[in-house]
Amino acid sequence: MVELSPEQMQALERLFAAGFRPMAIPPYESALCVRRGACAVVLSAVPGRGLKLLAPPSYIVAGNLSVRLKRGAGEVFI
């Protein structure tokens, strides 16, 4: 597990204060996954800097991150 800097911890505390909660999402067990409602984001600690997105924010479908696809004239999440 990566040790977080005080700045990274403060960023996570701000996310928690905004209603985000940690969660485990296979295959991202070693990443920082947080969710709020039906949405989630996968973050990674950048040594000496902050946090970065590993995957775009997405909906949770059946306990997993969904993928946005174009279908016809619209978009769907699977």
Protein backbone atom coordinates (compact mmCIF):
# COMPACT_ATOMS: atom_id res chain seq x y z
CA MET A 1 0.00 0.00 0.00
CA VAL A 2 1.26 3.46 -0.88
CA GLU A 3 1.86 5.86 1.97
CA LEU A 4 0.02 9.13 1.40
CA SER A 5 1.51 12.56 2.00
CA PRO A 6 -0.26 15.08 4.25
CA GLU A 7 -1.46 16.95 1.12
CA GLN A 8 -2.90 13.76 -0.37
CA MET A 9 -4.63 12.95 2.92
CA GLN A 10 -6.14 16.45 2.95
CA ALA A 11 -7.48 15.90 -0.58
CA LEU A 12 -9.07 12.62 0.51
CA GLU A 13 -10.53 14.30 3.59
CA ARG A 14 -12.14 16.91 1.33
CA LEU A 15 -13.63 14.14 -0.80
CA PHE A 16 -14.99 12.41 2.32
CA ALA A 17 -16.43 15.70 3.56
CA ALA A 18 -18.20 16.03 0.18
CA GLY A 19 -19.89 12.65 0.70
CA PHE A 20 -17.49 10.29 -1.08
CA ARG A 21 -16.75 6.94 0.57
CA PRO A 22 -13.95 4.43 -0.08
CA MET A 23 -14.74 1.19 -1.86
CA ALA A 24 -12.95 -1.77 -3.42
CA ILE A 25 -13.40 -2.31 -7.14
CA PRO A 26 -11.81 -5.29 -8.85
CA PRO A 27 -9.22 -5.09 -10.47
CA TYR A 28 -8.29 -1.79 -8.80
CA GLU A 29 -7.62 -3.11 -5.28
CA SER A 30 -4.30 -1.25 -5.08
CA ALA A 31 -5.83 2.07 -6.19
CA LEU A 32 -7.90 4.60 -4.24
CA CYS A 33 -11.51 4.02 -5.27
CA VAL A 34 -14.17 6.35 -3.95
CA ARG A 35 -17.89 6.50 -4.61
CA ARG A 36 -20.75 8.83 -4.01
CA GLY A 37 -24.19 7.44 -4.71
CA ALA A 38 -24.08 5.47 -7.95
CA CYS A 39 -20.88 7.16 -9.22
CA ALA A 40 -17.25 6.24 -8.59
CA VAL A 41 -13.75 7.32 -9.50
CA VAL A 42 -10.40 5.52 -9.38
CA LEU A 43 -7.48 7.61 -8.09
CA SER A 44 -3.77 7.02 -7.73
CA ALA A 45 -1.26 8.79 -5.53
CA VAL A 46 1.44 10.67 -7.44
CA PRO A 47 4.62 10.69 -5.32
CA GLY A 48 5.42 14.20 -4.16
CA ARG A 49 2.44 15.74 -5.94
CA GLY A 50 -1.18 14.79 -5.35
CA LEU A 51 -3.80 12.45 -6.75
CA LYS A 52 -4.57 11.63 -10.37
CA LEU A 53 -7.44 9.91 -12.14
CA LEU A 54 -6.69 6.36 -13.27
CA ALA A 55 -10.06 5.91 -14.90
CA PRO A 56 -12.71 8.46 -15.83
CA PRO A 57 -15.57 8.93 -13.38
CA SER A 58 -18.22 6.33 -14.04
CA TYR A 59 -21.44 4.77 -12.81
CA ILE A 60 -21.44 1.65 -10.64
CA VAL A 61 -23.33 -1.20 -12.32
CA ALA A 62 -23.67 -4.50 -10.43
CA GLY A 63 -20.81 -3.49 -8.10
CA ASN A 64 -18.37 -2.73 -10.93
CA LEU A 65 -17.32 0.34 -12.87
CA SER A 66 -19.36 0.74 -16.02
CA VAL A 67 -18.09 1.64 -19.47
CA ARG A 68 -19.77 4.30 -21.61
CA LEU A 69 -20.48 3.20 -25.17
CA LYS A 70 -22.15 4.92 -28.09
CA ARG A 71 -25.18 3.04 -29.31
CA GLY A 72 -27.02 4.53 -32.24
CA ALA A 73 -27.68 8.21 -31.55
CA GLY A 74 -27.19 7.84 -27.78
CA GLU A 75 -24.84 6.53 -25.12
CA VAL A 76 -25.25 3.64 -22.70
CA PHE A 77 -23.34 2.41 -19.65
CA ILE A 78 -22.60 -1.31 -19.39
